[in-house]
C-alpha cells in the first residue's frame, strides 16, 4: 500500500514540476502586447490591433460553463457600461471552440467577445497555457493593455468574483498616473 501511495505522490510531483517548467513567462509590463487574430463566438476574426487607442482587458480563463468562469464573465458583462465609459473593451480567451463560446454567451447573456484559441498559440504567447498531460487549458491570467498596445499590468491567478472591479480600478489608477497632455 505504501508503495502505491509513494508512487502516486511522486507522479503528482512530476506532473506539477512538468507543468511549471513547461509554462512560458508572462509578458512583462511595459512590453508590446503580442498581437493575435482569433475567431469570436460570432464567427468574426478579432485582432488585438483592432483595438489600438482603447484599453483592452485581455482575460484568459479555463473553460466555458464552469462556476468560476461563469462568475467572472457575468461580472465583466455587468460592468460593460463602465468599461465603455473608460474607453475599454473586454476580450475573453480560452481554448474552447467558437461553438462552445457561442453557446456560453447565449446561455449566460454575454455580449462581449470571447475568442477561441483552439490551437493554444495565443494562450502560450501570453504565458497562460497550463499543461495537464494530454489536456491543456488556459490559466486564469489577465493582461491590461494600454491604448498604445503595451502591457500596462499583468494579473495572475485572479479571483473571478472580484476581478472586474479590480480591472476597472486598475484602469482608473493608470489613467490618473498619465500626465495630462
Protein backbone atom coordinates (compact mmCIF):
# COMPACT_ATOMS: atom_id res chain seq x y z
CA UNK A 1 0.00 0.00 0.00
CA UNK A 2 2.79 2.46 0.89
CA UNK A 3 4.45 1.80 -2.45
CA UNK A 4 1.27 2.78 -4.32
CA UNK A 5 0.86 5.95 -2.23
CA UNK A 6 4.51 6.92 -2.73
CA UNK A 7 4.26 6.25 -6.47
CA UNK A 8 1.13 8.41 -6.71
CA UNK A 9 2.80 11.24 -4.78
CA UNK A 10 5.90 11.02 -6.97
CA UNK A 11 3.79 11.05 -10.14
CA UNK A 12 1.80 14.06 -8.93
CA UNK A 13 5.05 15.86 -8.12
CA UNK A 14 6.42 15.15 -11.58
CA UNK A 15 3.23 16.41 -13.25
CA UNK A 16 3.32 19.64 -11.24
CA UNK A 17 7.03 20.13 -11.98
CA UNK A 18 6.46 19.46 -15.68
CA UNK A 19 3.56 21.90 -15.79
CA UNK A 20 5.58 24.61 -14.06
CA UNK A 21 8.69 24.13 -16.18
CA UNK A 22 6.70 23.97 -19.43
CA UNK A 23 4.92 27.26 -18.74
CA UNK A 24 6.15 30.32 -20.59
CA UNK A 25 6.69 33.51 -18.60
CA UNK A 26 4.00 36.18 -18.66
CA UNK A 27 4.81 39.14 -20.93
CA UNK A 28 6.35 41.94 -18.86
CA UNK A 29 4.63 45.22 -18.06
CA UNK A 30 5.81 47.89 -20.49
CA UNK A 31 6.46 45.41 -23.31
CA UNK A 32 4.46 45.38 -26.53
CA UNK A 33 1.45 43.10 -26.21
CA UNK A 34 1.80 40.14 -28.57
CA UNK A 35 -0.61 40.65 -31.47
CA UNK A 36 -3.03 37.90 -32.42
CA UNK A 37 -6.05 37.14 -34.55
CA UNK A 38 -8.68 34.70 -33.24
CA UNK A 39 -12.28 33.82 -34.07
CA UNK A 40 -15.02 35.17 -31.78
CA UNK A 41 -18.28 33.49 -30.80
CA UNK A 42 -19.86 35.46 -33.68
CA UNK A 43 -17.56 33.83 -36.24
CA UNK A 44 -15.60 37.02 -36.97
CA UNK A 45 -11.85 37.44 -36.80
CA UNK A 46 -10.71 39.64 -33.91
CA UNK A 47 -7.20 41.07 -33.76
CA UNK A 48 -5.60 42.98 -30.92
CA UNK A 49 -4.56 45.72 -33.34
CA UNK A 50 -8.28 46.41 -33.98
CA UNK A 51 -8.43 47.96 -30.50
CA UNK A 52 -5.47 50.35 -30.71
CA UNK A 53 -6.48 53.57 -28.96
CA UNK A 54 -8.55 51.72 -26.33
CA UNK A 55 -7.75 49.98 -23.08
CA UNK A 56 -8.03 46.21 -23.55
CA UNK A 57 -8.78 43.80 -20.74
CA UNK A 58 -7.48 40.55 -22.22
CA UNK A 59 -8.50 37.80 -19.85
CA UNK A 60 -7.69 34.13 -20.16
CA UNK A 61 -9.95 31.61 -18.47
CA UNK A 62 -10.02 27.81 -18.19
CA UNK A 63 -13.41 26.65 -19.51
CA UNK A 64 -16.85 27.78 -20.63
CA UNK A 65 -19.75 26.83 -18.33
CA UNK A 66 -17.62 26.25 -15.21
CA UNK A 67 -18.51 28.02 -11.97
CA UNK A 68 -15.55 30.41 -11.66
CA UNK A 69 -15.52 31.27 -15.35
CA UNK A 70 -19.26 31.96 -15.33
CA UNK A 71 -18.97 34.26 -12.30
CA UNK A 72 -16.08 36.13 -13.91
CA UNK A 73 -17.93 36.51 -17.23
CA UNK A 74 -21.14 37.71 -15.51
CA UNK A 75 -19.18 40.40 -13.67
CA UNK A 76 -17.49 41.58 -16.87
CA UNK A 77 -20.93 41.67 -18.52
CA UNK A 78 -22.47 43.58 -15.59
CA UNK A 79 -19.72 46.22 -15.88
CA UNK A 80 -19.80 46.72 -19.67
CA UNK A 81 -21.11 50.30 -19.37
CA UNK A 82 -18.23 51.14 -17.01
CA UNK A 83 -15.69 49.74 -19.49
CA UNK A 84 -17.27 51.76 -22.31
CA UNK A 85 -17.10 54.90 -20.14
CA UNK A 86 -13.35 54.28 -19.75
CA UNK A 87 -12.79 53.63 -23.48
CA UNK A 88 -12.04 49.99 -22.70
CA UNK A 89 -13.07 46.62 -24.12
CA UNK A 90 -13.08 43.17 -22.58
CA UNK A 91 -11.85 40.19 -24.59
CA UNK A 92 -12.03 36.70 -23.09
CA UNK A 93 -9.81 33.88 -24.36
CA UNK A 94 -9.92 30.15 -23.72
CA UNK A 95 -9.03 27.05 -25.71
CA UNK A 96 -12.73 26.25 -26.09
CA UNK A 97 -14.23 26.28 -29.59
CA UNK A 98 -16.14 29.09 -31.26
CA UNK A 99 -19.31 26.97 -30.92
CA UNK A 100 -18.74 26.49 -27.17
CA UNK A 101 -18.28 30.26 -26.78
CA UNK A 102 -21.45 30.91 -28.81
CA UNK A 103 -23.46 28.59 -26.57
CA UNK A 104 -21.89 30.03 -23.40
CA UNK A 105 -22.72 33.60 -24.47
CA UNK A 106 -26.29 32.65 -25.41
CA UNK A 107 -26.93 30.81 -22.15
CA UNK A 108 -25.31 33.44 -19.92
CA UNK A 109 -26.41 36.59 -21.78
CA UNK A 110 -22.88 37.75 -22.63
CA UNK A 111 -22.37 40.37 -25.35
CA UNK A 112 -18.62 40.98 -25.20
CA UNK A 113 -16.21 38.96 -27.32
CA UNK A 114 -14.97 35.52 -26.33
CA UNK A 115 -12.15 34.28 -28.54
CA UNK A 116 -11.46 30.66 -29.48
CA UNK A 117 -7.78 29.77 -29.06
CA UNK A 118 -8.24 26.20 -30.27
CA UNK A 119 -4.62 25.96 -31.44
CA UNK A 120 -3.44 27.14 -27.98
CA UNK A 121 -0.99 29.61 -29.54
CA UNK A 122 -2.25 32.86 -28.02
CA UNK A 123 -2.56 31.33 -24.55
CA UNK A 124 1.01 30.10 -24.95
CA UNK A 125 2.26 33.52 -26.22
CA UNK A 126 0.82 35.14 -23.12
CA UNK A 127 2.27 32.53 -20.72
CA UNK A 128 -1.25 31.40 -19.95
CA UNK A 129 -1.32 27.78 -21.08
CA UNK A 130 -1.46 25.06 -18.43
CA UNK A 131 -0.43 21.54 -19.35
CA UNK A 132 -2.04 18.58 -17.63
CA UNK A 133 -0.53 15.75 -19.61
CA UNK A 134 -2.75 15.37 -22.67
CA UNK A 135 -5.11 18.20 -21.64
CA UNK A 136 -4.23 21.86 -21.98
CA UNK A 137 -6.34 24.77 -20.74
CA UNK A 138 -5.87 28.50 -20.40
CA UNK A 139 -4.92 29.66 -16.92
CA UNK A 140 -6.78 32.48 -15.21
CA UNK A 141 -4.48 35.38 -16.15
CA UNK A 142 -5.41 38.87 -17.32
CA UNK A 143 -3.44 41.50 -19.19
CA UNK A 144 -4.42 45.13 -19.10
CA UNK A 145 -3.20 46.56 -22.40
CA UNK A 146 -2.91 50.32 -22.74
CA UNK A 147 -4.20 52.33 -25.73
CA UNK A 148 -0.71 52.25 -27.31
CA UNK A 149 -0.68 48.43 -27.32
CA UNK A 150 1.69 47.88 -24.38
CA UNK A 151 1.09 45.63 -21.41
CA UNK A 152 0.24 48.03 -18.60
CA UNK A 153 -0.21 45.28 -15.99
CA UNK A 154 -0.38 41.51 -15.79
CA UNK A 155 -2.57 39.74 -13.24
CA UNK A 156 -2.13 36.04 -12.49
CA UNK A 157 -4.35 33.64 -10.56
CA UNK A 158 -7.12 36.19 -10.20
CA UNK A 159 -10.25 35.90 -8.07
CA UNK A 160 -13.18 35.64 -10.51
CA UNK A 161 -15.67 37.27 -8.12
CA UNK A 162 -13.62 40.48 -7.68
CA UNK A 163 -11.72 40.65 -10.93
CA UNK A 164 -13.88 43.00 -12.99
CA UNK A 165 -13.89 45.61 -10.22
CA UNK A 166 -10.12 45.13 -9.88
CA UNK A 167 -9.65 45.83 -13.59
CA UNK A 168 -11.81 48.97 -13.52
CA UNK A 169 -9.79 50.27 -10.54
CA UNK A 170 -6.52 49.49 -12.34
CA UNK A 171 -7.64 51.48 -15.41
CA UNK A 172 -8.63 54.40 -13.19
CA UNK A 173 -5.29 54.28 -11.36
CA UNK A 174 -3.29 54.13 -14.59
CA UNK A 175 -5.30 56.96 -16.15
CA UNK A 176 -4.52 59.18 -13.14
CA UNK A 177 -0.81 58.36 -13.43
CA UNK A 178 -0.63 59.60 -17.03
CA UNK A 179 0.19 63.32 -17.17
CA UNK A 180 -2.37 65.47 -18.99
CA UNK A 181 -1.27 66.49 -22.48
